[in-house]
Amino acid sequence: MKPTPSFKTLSVSYKSQKFTIEYFDREGEFQTVLLLHGLGGAKENYYEACKSAALAGHRLISMDNPGTGNSTY
């Protein structure tokens, strides 16, 4: 059984502006794989990757880039 990713929120401040970045994190014992989406994408584009046999055991992280999905801009 593969672990289920948990959705988390990170607050970031940059040049006096506050942003919220939402991401998912699936724990794993092997190397971490950071999944980045393109323009108009969202972290959910990679949710199915959590079921991939090729990525079994790896920690998977995918975030909503600023201004996409549930992240602010």
PDB file of N, CA and C in Angstrom:
ATOM      1  N   MET A   1       0.847  -1.194   0.000  1.00  0.00           N
ATOM      2  CA  MET A   1       0.000   0.000   0.000  1.00  0.00           C
ATOM      3  C   MET A   1       0.884   1.246   0.000  1.00  0.00           C
ATOM      4  N   LYS A   2       0.634   2.145  -0.922  1.00  0.00           N
ATOM      5  CA  LYS A   2       1.415   3.375  -1.035  1.00  0.00           C
ATOM      6  C   LYS A   2       0.848   4.440  -0.090  1.00  0.00           C
ATOM      7  N   PRO A   3       1.731   5.223   0.548  1.00  0.00           N
ATOM      8  CA  PRO A   3       1.241   6.284   1.433  1.00  0.00           C
ATOM      9  C   PRO A   3       0.406   7.316   0.682  1.00  0.00           C
ATOM     10  N   THR A   4      -0.536   7.889   1.366  1.00  0.00           N
ATOM     11  CA  THR A   4      -1.381   8.938   0.790  1.00  0.00           C
ATOM     12  C   THR A   4      -0.714  10.290   1.039  1.00  0.00           C
ATOM     13  N   PRO A   5      -0.663  11.147   0.015  1.00  0.00           N
ATOM     14  CA  PRO A   5      -0.053  12.461   0.232  1.00  0.00           C
ATOM     15  C   PRO A   5      -0.903  13.328   1.150  1.00  0.00           C
ATOM     16  N   SER A   6      -0.233  14.144   1.934  1.00  0.00           N
ATOM     17  CA  SER A   6      -0.955  15.084   2.785  1.00  0.00           C
ATOM     18  C   SER A   6      -0.798  16.484   2.206  1.00  0.00           C
ATOM     19  N   PHE A   7      -1.861  17.253   2.257  1.00  0.00           N
ATOM     20  CA  PHE A   7      -1.852  18.623   1.752  1.00  0.00           C
ATOM     21  C   PHE A   7      -1.442  19.557   2.881  1.00  0.00           C
ATOM     22  N   LYS A   8      -0.519  20.471   2.544  1.00  0.00           N
ATOM     23  CA  LYS A   8       0.016  21.388   3.549  1.00  0.00           C
ATOM     24  C   LYS A   8       0.069  22.796   2.975  1.00  0.00           C
ATOM     25  N   THR A   9       0.217  23.774   3.861  1.00  0.00           N
ATOM     26  CA  THR A   9       0.311  25.176   3.469  1.00  0.00           C
ATOM     27  C   THR A   9       1.553  25.786   4.100  1.00  0.00           C
ATOM     28  N   LEU A  10       2.266  26.586   3.310  1.00  0.00           N
ATOM     29  CA  LEU A  10       3.468  27.264   3.756  1.00  0.00           C
ATOM     30  C   LEU A  10       3.273  28.763   3.564  1.00  0.00           C
ATOM     31  N   SER A  11       3.545  29.551   4.598  1.00  0.00           N
ATOM     32  CA  SER A  11       3.461  31.011   4.494  1.00  0.00           C
ATOM     33  C   SER A  11       4.855  31.559   4.234  1.00  0.00           C
ATOM     34  N   VAL A  12       4.974  32.417   3.214  1.00  0.00           N
ATOM     35  CA  VAL A  12       6.254  32.978   2.803  1.00  0.00           C
ATOM     36  C   VAL A  12       6.127  34.494   2.724  1.00  0.00           C
ATOM     37  N   SER A  13       7.152  35.207   3.199  1.00  0.00           N
ATOM     38  CA  SER A  13       7.202  36.665   3.073  1.00  0.00           C
ATOM     39  C   SER A  13       8.360  37.026   2.164  1.00  0.00           C
ATOM     40  N   TYR A  14       8.096  37.942   1.218  1.00  0.00           N
ATOM     41  CA  TYR A  14       9.125  38.400   0.302  1.00  0.00           C
ATOM     42  C   TYR A  14       8.867  39.863  -0.012  1.00  0.00           C
ATOM     43  N   LYS A  15       9.844  40.713   0.273  1.00  0.00           N
ATOM     44  CA  LYS A  15       9.731  42.151   0.031  1.00  0.00           C
ATOM     45  C   LYS A  15       8.429  42.723   0.592  1.00  0.00           C
ATOM     46  N   SER A  16       8.177  42.449   1.841  1.00  0.00           N
ATOM     47  CA  SER A  16       7.010  42.951   2.584  1.00  0.00           C
ATOM     48  C   SER A  16       5.679  42.399   2.097  1.00  0.00           C
ATOM     49  N   GLN A  17       5.674  41.414   1.226  1.00  0.00           N
ATOM     50  CA  GLN A  17       4.435  40.780   0.792  1.00  0.00           C
ATOM     51  C   GLN A  17       4.374  39.374   1.363  1.00  0.00           C
ATOM     52  N   LYS A  18       3.171  38.953   1.714  1.00  0.00           N
ATOM     53  CA  LYS A  18       2.972  37.614   2.250  1.00  0.00           C
ATOM     54  C   LYS A  18       2.276  36.750   1.208  1.00  0.00           C
ATOM     55  N   PHE A  19       2.779  35.544   1.044  1.00  0.00           N
ATOM     56  CA  PHE A  19       2.225  34.587   0.093  1.00  0.00           C
ATOM     57  C   PHE A  19       1.900  33.295   0.826  1.00  0.00           C
ATOM     58  N   THR A  20       0.945  32.574   0.295  1.00  0.00           N
ATOM     59  CA  THR A  20       0.617  31.252   0.798  1.00  0.00           C
ATOM     60  C   THR A  20       0.868  30.264  -0.328  1.00  0.00           C
ATOM     61  N   ILE A  21       1.681  29.263  -0.048  1.00  0.00           N
ATOM     62  CA  ILE A  21       1.981  28.217  -1.019  1.00  0.00           C
ATOM     63  C   ILE A  21       1.367  26.919  -0.508  1.00  0.00           C
ATOM     64  N   GLU A  22       0.508  26.317  -1.322  1.00  0.00           N
ATOM     65  CA  GLU A  22      -0.078  25.036  -0.944  1.00  0.00           C
ATOM     66  C   GLU A  22       0.649  23.931  -1.703  1.00  0.00           C
ATOM     67  N   TYR A  23       0.895  22.814  -1.035  1.00  0.00           N
ATOM     68  CA  TYR A  23       1.620  21.712  -1.657  1.00  0.00           C
ATOM     69  C   TYR A  23       1.159  20.385  -1.076  1.00  0.00           C
ATOM     70  N   PHE A  24       1.510  19.287  -1.755  1.00  0.00           N
ATOM     71  CA  PHE A  24       1.306  17.989  -1.127  1.00  0.00           C
ATOM     72  C   PHE A  24       2.651  17.330  -0.934  1.00  0.00           C
ATOM     73  N   ASP A  25       2.702  16.491   0.079  1.00  0.00           N
ATOM     74  CA  ASP A  25       3.930  15.812   0.471  1.00  0.00           C
ATOM     75  C   ASP A  25       3.585  14.356   0.771  1.00  0.00           C
ATOM     76  N   ARG A  26       4.157  13.454  -0.029  1.00  0.00           N
ATOM     77  CA  ARG A  26       3.973  12.029   0.252  1.00  0.00           C
ATOM     78  C   ARG A  26       5.295  11.491   0.765  1.00  0.00           C
ATOM     79  N   GLU A  27       5.289  10.991   1.963  1.00  0.00           N
ATOM     80  CA  GLU A  27       6.509  10.462   2.575  1.00  0.00           C
ATOM     81  C   GLU A  27       7.029   9.262   1.805  1.00  0.00           C
ATOM     82  N   GLY A  28       8.335   9.058   1.874  1.00  0.00           N
ATOM     83  CA  GLY A  28       8.971   7.921   1.237  1.00  0.00           C
ATOM     84  C   GLY A  28      10.356   7.715   1.810  1.00  0.00           C
ATOM     85  N   GLU A  29      10.886   6.536   1.607  1.00  0.00           N
ATOM     86  CA  GLU A  29      12.196   6.213   2.174  1.00  0.00           C
ATOM     87  C   GLU A  29      13.349   6.480   1.202  1.00  0.00           C
ATOM     88  N   PHE A  30      13.028   6.665  -0.090  1.00  0.00           N
ATOM     89  CA  PHE A  30      14.063   6.909  -1.093  1.00  0.00           C
ATOM     90  C   PHE A  30      14.191   8.413  -1.369  1.00  0.00           C
ATOM     91  N   GLN A  31      14.947   8.764  -2.390  1.00  0.00           N
ATOM     92  CA  GLN A  31      15.181  10.168  -2.718  1.00  0.00           C
ATOM     93  C   GLN A  31      13.872  10.925  -2.959  1.00  0.00           C
ATOM     94  N   THR A  32      13.923  12.227  -2.664  1.00  0.00           N
ATOM     95  CA  THR A  32      12.772  13.104  -2.874  1.00  0.00           C
ATOM     96  C   THR A  32      12.673  13.498  -4.335  1.00  0.00           C
ATOM     97  N   VAL A  33      11.450  13.467  -4.869  1.00  0.00           N
ATOM     98  CA  VAL A  33      11.179  13.904  -6.236  1.00  0.00           C
ATOM     99  C   VAL A  33      10.266  15.123  -6.142  1.00  0.00           C
ATOM    100  N   LEU A  34      10.738  16.249  -6.681  1.00  0.00           N
ATOM    101  CA  LEU A  34       9.953  17.483  -6.697  1.00  0.00           C
ATOM    102  C   LEU A  34       9.271  17.590  -8.054  1.00  0.00           C
ATOM    103  N   LEU A  35       7.948  17.618  -8.055  1.00  0.00           N
ATOM    104  CA  LEU A  35       7.152  17.659  -9.284  1.00  0.00           C
ATOM    105  C   LEU A  35       6.676  19.091  -9.507  1.00  0.00           C
ATOM    106  N   LEU A  36       7.110  19.703 -10.598  1.00  0.00           N
ATOM    107  CA  LEU A  36       6.767  21.096 -10.897  1.00  0.00           C
ATOM    108  C   LEU A  36       5.858  21.170 -12.119  1.00  0.00           C
ATOM    109  N   HIS A  37       4.772  21.903 -12.011  1.00  0.00           N
ATOM    110  CA  HIS A  37       3.837  22.041 -13.132  1.00  0.00           C
ATOM    111  C   HIS A  37       4.151  23.286 -13.949  1.00  0.00           C
ATOM    112  N   GLY A  38       3.607  23.342 -15.138  1.00  0.00           N
ATOM    113  CA  GLY A  38       3.791  24.489 -16.025  1.00  0.00           C
ATOM    114  C   GLY A  38       2.666  25.489 -15.872  1.00  0.00           C
ATOM    115  N   LEU A  39       2.636  26.448 -16.767  1.00  0.00           N
ATOM    116  CA  LEU A  39       1.644  27.509 -16.753  1.00  0.00           C
ATOM    117  C   LEU A  39       0.230  26.924 -16.801  1.00  0.00           C
ATOM    118  N   GLY A  40      -0.604  27.364 -15.894  1.00  0.00           N
ATOM    119  CA  GLY A  40      -1.990  26.907 -15.861  1.00  0.00           C
ATOM    120  C   GLY A  40      -2.188  25.580 -15.159  1.00  0.00           C
ATOM    121  N   GLY A  41      -1.120  24.992 -14.656  1.00  0.00           N
ATOM    122  CA  GLY A  41      -1.218  23.706 -13.969  1.00  0.00           C
ATOM    123  C   GLY A  41      -1.464  23.884 -12.477  1.00  0.00           C
ATOM    124  N   ALA A  42      -1.513  22.769 -11.785  1.00  0.00           N
ATOM    125  CA  ALA A  42      -1.694  22.770 -10.341  1.00  0.00           C
ATOM    126  C   ALA A  42      -1.098  21.495  -9.772  1.00  0.00           C
ATOM    127  N   LYS A  43      -0.895  21.478  -8.467  1.00  0.00           N
ATOM    128  CA  LYS A  43      -0.294  20.311  -7.817  1.00  0.00           C
ATOM    129  C   LYS A  43      -1.095  19.041  -8.071  1.00  0.00           C
ATOM    130  N   GLU A  44      -2.393  19.182  -8.232  1.00  0.00           N
ATOM    131  CA  GLU A  44      -3.239  18.003  -8.457  1.00  0.00           C
ATOM    132  C   GLU A  44      -2.916  17.291  -9.770  1.00  0.00           C
ATOM    133  N   ASN A  45      -2.232  17.978 -10.700  1.00  0.00           N
ATOM    134  CA  ASN A  45      -1.815  17.321 -11.938  1.00  0.00           C
ATOM    135  C   ASN A  45      -0.928  16.121 -11.655  1.00  0.00           C
ATOM    136  N   TYR A  46      -0.270  16.108 -10.510  1.00  0.00           N
ATOM    137  CA  TYR A  46       0.666  15.044 -10.168  1.00  0.00           C
ATOM    138  C   TYR A  46       0.152  14.095  -9.099  1.00  0.00           C
ATOM    139  N   TYR A  47      -1.075  14.272  -8.683  1.00  0.00           N
ATOM    140  CA  TYR A  47      -1.631  13.410  -7.635  1.00  0.00           C
ATOM    141  C   TYR A  47      -1.609  11.941  -8.057  1.00  0.00           C
ATOM    142  N   GLU A  48      -1.874  11.673  -9.338  1.00  0.00           N
ATOM    143  CA  GLU A  48      -1.870  10.290  -9.837  1.00  0.00           C
ATOM    144  C   GLU A  48      -0.471   9.676  -9.806  1.00  0.00           C
ATOM    145  N   ALA A  49       0.574  10.517  -9.826  1.00  0.00           N
ATOM    146  CA  ALA A  49       1.946  10.005  -9.763  1.00  0.00           C
ATOM    147  C   ALA A  49       2.181   9.244  -8.459  1.00  0.00           C
ATOM    148  N   CYS A  50       1.397   9.542  -7.447  1.00  0.00           N
ATOM    149  CA  CYS A  50       1.537   8.853  -6.160  1.00  0.00           C
ATOM    150  C   CYS A  50       1.186   7.374  -6.272  1.00  0.00           C
ATOM    151  N   LYS A  51       0.488   6.998  -7.323  1.00  0.00           N
ATOM    152  CA  LYS A  51       0.093   5.603  -7.532  1.00  0.00           C
ATOM    153  C   LYS A  51       1.070   4.862  -8.434  1.00  0.00           C
ATOM    154  N   SER A  52       2.061   5.561  -8.980  1.00  0.00           N
ATOM    155  CA  SER A  52       2.997   4.985  -9.936  1.00  0.00           C
ATOM    156  C   SER A  52       3.953   4.004  -9.264  1.00  0.00           C
ATOM    157  N   ALA A  53       4.087   2.832  -9.851  1.00  0.00           N
ATOM    158  CA  ALA A  53       5.024   1.836  -9.335  1.00  0.00           C
ATOM    159  C   ALA A  53       6.461   2.334  -9.442  1.00  0.00           C
ATOM    160  N   ALA A  54       6.762   3.114 -10.485  1.00  0.00           N
ATOM    161  CA  ALA A  54       8.121   3.629 -10.685  1.00  0.00           C
ATOM    162  C   ALA A  54       8.531   4.606  -9.579  1.00  0.00           C
ATOM    163  N   LEU A  55       7.562   5.233  -8.927  1.00  0.00           N
ATOM    164  CA  LEU A  55       7.854   6.210  -7.878  1.00  0.00           C
ATOM    165  C   LEU A  55       7.565   5.674  -6.481  1.00  0.00           C
ATOM    166  N   ALA A  56       7.215   4.407  -6.400  1.00  0.00           N
ATOM    167  CA  ALA A  56       6.921   3.788  -5.101  1.00  0.00           C
ATOM    168  C   ALA A  56       8.148   3.910  -4.205  1.00  0.00           C
ATOM    169  N   GLY A  57       7.947   4.330  -2.995  1.00  0.00           N
ATOM    170  CA  GLY A  57       9.038   4.455  -2.042  1.00  0.00           C
ATOM    171  C   GLY A  57       9.745   5.793  -2.055  1.00  0.00           C
ATOM    172  N   HIS A  58       9.521   6.597  -3.090  1.00  0.00           N
ATOM    173  CA  HIS A  58      10.137   7.924  -3.141  1.00  0.00           C
ATOM    174  C   HIS A  58       9.246   8.936  -2.440  1.00  0.00           C
ATOM    175  N   ARG A  59       9.873   9.922  -1.831  1.00  0.00           N
ATOM    176  CA  ARG A  59       9.104  11.037  -1.284  1.00  0.00           C
ATOM    177  C   ARG A  59       8.726  11.933  -2.455  1.00  0.00           C
ATOM    178  N   LEU A  60       7.461  12.294  -2.565  1.00  0.00           N
ATOM    179  CA  LEU A  60       6.973  13.145  -3.653  1.00  0.00           C
ATOM    180  C   LEU A  60       6.441  14.451  -3.085  1.00  0.00           C
ATOM    181  N   ILE A  61       6.874  15.557  -3.682  1.00  0.00           N
ATOM    182  CA  ILE A  61       6.387  16.881  -3.294  1.00  0.00           C
ATOM    183  C   ILE A  61       5.959  17.614  -4.562  1.00  0.00           C
ATOM    184  N   SER A  62       4.775  18.204  -4.531  1.00  0.00           N
ATOM    185  CA  SER A  62       4.298  19.027  -5.633  1.00  0.00           C
ATOM    186  C   SER A  62       3.573  20.228  -5.046  1.00  0.00           C
ATOM    187  N   MET A  63       3.847  21.401  -5.595  1.00  0.00           N
ATOM    188  CA  MET A  63       3.258  22.628  -5.056  1.00  0.00           C
ATOM    189  C   MET A  63       2.498  23.387  -6.128  1.00  0.00           C
ATOM    190  N   ASP A  64       1.596  24.225  -5.660  1.00  0.00           N
ATOM    191  CA  ASP A  64       0.955  25.199  -6.548  1.00  0.00           C
ATOM    192  C   ASP A  64       1.891  26.386  -6.629  1.00  0.00           C
ATOM    193  N   ASN A  65       2.371  26.700  -7.816  1.00  0.00           N
ATOM    194  CA  ASN A  65       3.210  27.883  -7.993  1.00  0.00           C
ATOM    195  C   ASN A  65       2.414  29.127  -7.618  1.00  0.00           C
ATOM    196  N   PRO A  66       3.083  30.222  -7.233  1.00  0.00           N
ATOM    197  CA  PRO A  66       2.355  31.445  -6.874  1.00  0.00           C
ATOM    198  C   PRO A  66       1.370  31.862  -7.978  1.00  0.00           C
ATOM    199  N   GLY A  67       0.141  32.119  -7.556  1.00  0.00           N
ATOM    200  CA  GLY A  67      -0.893  32.552  -8.495  1.00  0.00           C
ATOM    201  C   GLY A  67      -1.622  31.419  -9.196  1.00  0.00           C
ATOM    202  N   THR A  68      -1.323  30.176  -8.841  1.00  0.00           N
ATOM    203  CA  THR A  68      -2.020  29.026  -9.436  1.00  0.00           C
ATOM    204  C   THR A  68      -2.616  28.167  -8.322  1.00  0.00           C
ATOM    205  N   GLY A  69      -3.612  27.380  -8.683  1.00  0.00           N
ATOM    206  CA  GLY A  69      -4.223  26.492  -7.696  1.00  0.00           C
ATOM    207  C   GLY A  69      -4.668  27.258  -6.465  1.00  0.00           C
ATOM    208  N   ASN A  70      -4.237  26.777  -5.297  1.00  0.00           N
ATOM    209  CA  ASN A  70      -4.613  27.417  -4.029  1.00  0.00           C
ATOM    210  C   ASN A  70      -3.523  28.309  -3.462  1.00  0.00           C
ATOM    211  N   SER A  71      -2.500  28.637  -4.242  1.00  0.00           N
ATOM    212  CA  SER A  71      -1.441  29.533  -3.784  1.00  0.00           C
ATOM    213  C   SER A  71      -1.771  30.968  -4.186  1.00  0.00           C
ATOM    214  N   THR A  72      -1.428  31.897  -3.307  1.00  0.00           N
ATOM    215  CA  THR A  72      -1.725  33.306  -3.556  1.00  0.00           C
ATOM    216  C   THR A  72      -0.610  33.966  -4.353  1.00  0.00           C
ATOM    217  N   TYR A  73      -0.909  35.147  -4.881  1.00  0.00           N
ATOM    218  CA  TYR A  73       0.085  35.935  -5.614  1.00  0.00           C
ATOM    219  C   TYR A  73      -0.106  37.393  -5.298  1.00  0.00           C
TER     220      TYR A  73
END
